[in-house]
Amino acid sequence: QVQLVESGGGLMQAGGSLRLSCAASGRIFSINAMGWYRQAPGKARELVASISSGGSTNYADSVKDRFTISRDNAKNTVYLQMNSLKPEDTAVYYCNAIMALKPLWSWGQGTQVTVSS
């Protein structure tokens, strides 16, 4: 059973930056594509960034050119650098492995990001 622990969230003013981290247990981390998802109040969870096992990245249009996903397979950790934050980025952020375009593992507790205007 893989466990995911997200951290790094907080309260930030618009225009600021945050770096989220997600630590995954288990030896299979390096072979999986990984993604960062977010869920705003009253909205469905959405995928905002993904990174393949080889390092190829994709982003939702809403975060493109502002967010950067990266991974350190040796540490079983995936990161999300968030710059130029906007109030609409306010959400709980989660990470997960991706298989067949769907989240693979059980969700962690997530990390809250709140951006004030």
Protein backbone atom coordinates (compact mmCIF):
# COMPACT_ATOMS: atom_id res chain seq x y z
CA GLN A 1 0.00 0.00 0.00
CA VAL A 2 1.53 3.26 -1.15
CA GLN A 3 1.07 6.23 1.15
CA LEU A 4 1.20 9.83 -0.01
CA VAL A 5 2.06 12.78 2.23
CA GLU A 6 1.64 16.27 0.81
CA SER A 7 3.15 19.37 2.44
CA GLY A 8 4.11 22.96 1.78
CA GLY A 9 0.75 24.66 1.52
CA GLY A 10 -0.18 27.84 3.29
CA LEU A 11 -1.66 31.30 3.06
CA MET A 12 -0.16 33.54 0.41
CA GLN A 13 -0.98 36.86 -1.18
CA ALA A 14 -1.70 37.01 -4.88
CA GLY A 15 1.50 37.12 -6.88
CA GLY A 16 3.43 35.07 -4.38
CA SER A 17 5.02 31.64 -4.66
CA LEU A 18 4.79 28.32 -2.88
CA ARG A 19 6.52 24.99 -3.32
CA LEU A 20 4.54 21.86 -2.57
CA SER A 21 6.10 18.49 -1.86
CA CYS A 22 4.63 15.00 -2.00
CA ALA A 23 6.47 12.08 -0.48
CA ALA A 24 5.43 8.60 -1.55
CA SER A 25 6.27 5.37 0.17
CA GLY A 26 6.99 2.28 -1.87
CA ARG A 27 9.56 1.19 -4.40
CA ILE A 28 7.32 1.59 -7.42
CA PHE A 29 7.35 5.38 -7.37
CA SER A 30 9.93 5.78 -10.11
CA ILE A 31 7.98 3.80 -12.71
CA ASN A 32 4.77 5.76 -12.38
CA ALA A 33 3.64 8.96 -13.94
CA MET A 34 2.77 11.37 -11.14
CA GLY A 35 0.33 14.23 -10.98
CA TRP A 36 -0.75 17.13 -8.83
CA TYR A 37 -4.49 17.58 -8.44
CA ARG A 38 -6.49 20.25 -6.68
CA GLN A 39 -10.00 20.56 -5.33
CA ALA A 40 -11.56 23.91 -4.65
CA PRO A 41 -14.65 24.22 -2.42
CA GLY A 42 -17.74 23.01 -4.23
CA LYS A 43 -15.77 21.87 -7.27
CA ALA A 44 -14.55 18.56 -8.60
CA ARG A 45 -10.95 17.51 -8.17
CA GLU A 46 -8.90 18.40 -11.23
CA LEU A 47 -5.49 17.45 -12.54
CA VAL A 48 -3.28 20.51 -12.88
CA ALA A 49 0.14 19.06 -13.66
CA SER A 50 1.68 15.72 -14.49
CA ILE A 51 5.14 14.29 -15.04
CA SER A 52 6.03 11.00 -16.67
CA SER A 53 8.58 8.56 -15.37
CA GLY A 54 10.94 10.02 -17.96
CA GLY A 55 10.33 13.61 -16.95
CA SER A 56 7.91 14.82 -19.62
CA THR A 57 5.45 17.33 -18.21
CA ASN A 58 1.94 18.53 -18.96
CA TYR A 59 -0.10 21.32 -17.42
CA ALA A 60 -3.67 22.50 -17.32
CA ASP A 61 -4.16 25.73 -19.22
CA SER A 62 -5.08 27.49 -15.98
CA VAL A 63 -1.60 26.96 -14.51
CA LYS A 64 0.59 26.80 -17.59
CA ASP A 65 3.64 29.08 -17.40
CA ARG A 66 3.06 29.60 -13.65
CA PHE A 67 3.43 26.12 -12.14
CA THR A 68 6.30 23.67 -12.58
CA ILE A 69 6.15 20.00 -11.65
CA SER A 70 9.32 18.03 -10.95
CA ARG A 71 10.31 14.78 -9.33
CA ASP A 72 13.21 13.24 -7.44
CA ASN A 73 12.96 9.50 -7.84
CA ALA A 74 15.77 8.87 -5.36
CA LYS A 75 13.67 10.58 -2.69
CA ASN A 76 10.30 9.26 -3.91
CA THR A 77 9.14 12.85 -3.99
CA VAL A 78 7.29 15.02 -6.48
CA TYR A 79 7.21 18.81 -6.27
CA LEU A 80 5.00 21.60 -7.52
CA GLN A 81 6.52 25.05 -7.76
CA MET A 82 3.71 27.58 -7.91
CA ASN A 83 4.51 31.13 -8.98
CA SER A 84 2.34 34.16 -9.67
CA LEU A 85 -0.39 32.70 -7.48
CA LYS A 86 -3.95 33.84 -8.03
CA PRO A 87 -6.99 33.70 -5.72
CA GLU A 88 -8.48 31.08 -8.04
CA ASP A 89 -5.58 28.78 -7.17
CA THR A 90 -7.08 28.41 -3.70
CA ALA A 91 -7.74 24.70 -3.16
CA VAL A 92 -6.57 21.58 -1.40
CA TYR A 93 -3.71 20.12 -3.42
CA TYR A 94 -3.12 16.39 -3.72
CA CYS A 95 -0.64 14.23 -5.55
CA ASN A 96 -1.14 10.77 -6.97
CA ALA A 97 0.23 8.35 -9.49
CA ILE A 98 -1.52 8.32 -12.85
CA MET A 99 -2.41 5.22 -14.82
CA ALA A 100 -4.70 5.20 -17.84
CA LEU A 101 -5.41 8.88 -17.17
CA LYS A 102 -6.79 8.08 -13.70
CA PRO A 103 -5.40 8.38 -10.18
CA LEU A 104 -3.92 5.07 -9.11
CA TRP A 105 -3.45 5.12 -5.34
CA SER A 106 -5.46 6.11 -2.30
CA TRP A 107 -5.46 9.85 -1.69
CA GLY A 108 -3.34 11.47 0.99
CA GLN A 109 -4.59 14.23 3.26
CA GLY A 110 -3.67 16.97 0.81
CA THR A 111 -2.25 20.39 1.60
CA GLN A 112 -4.32 23.57 1.72
CA VAL A 113 -3.29 26.50 -0.45
CA THR A 114 -5.10 29.78 0.14
CA VAL A 115 -4.36 32.82 -1.99
CA SER A 116 -5.71 36.18 -0.89
CA SER A 117 -6.30 39.10 -3.24
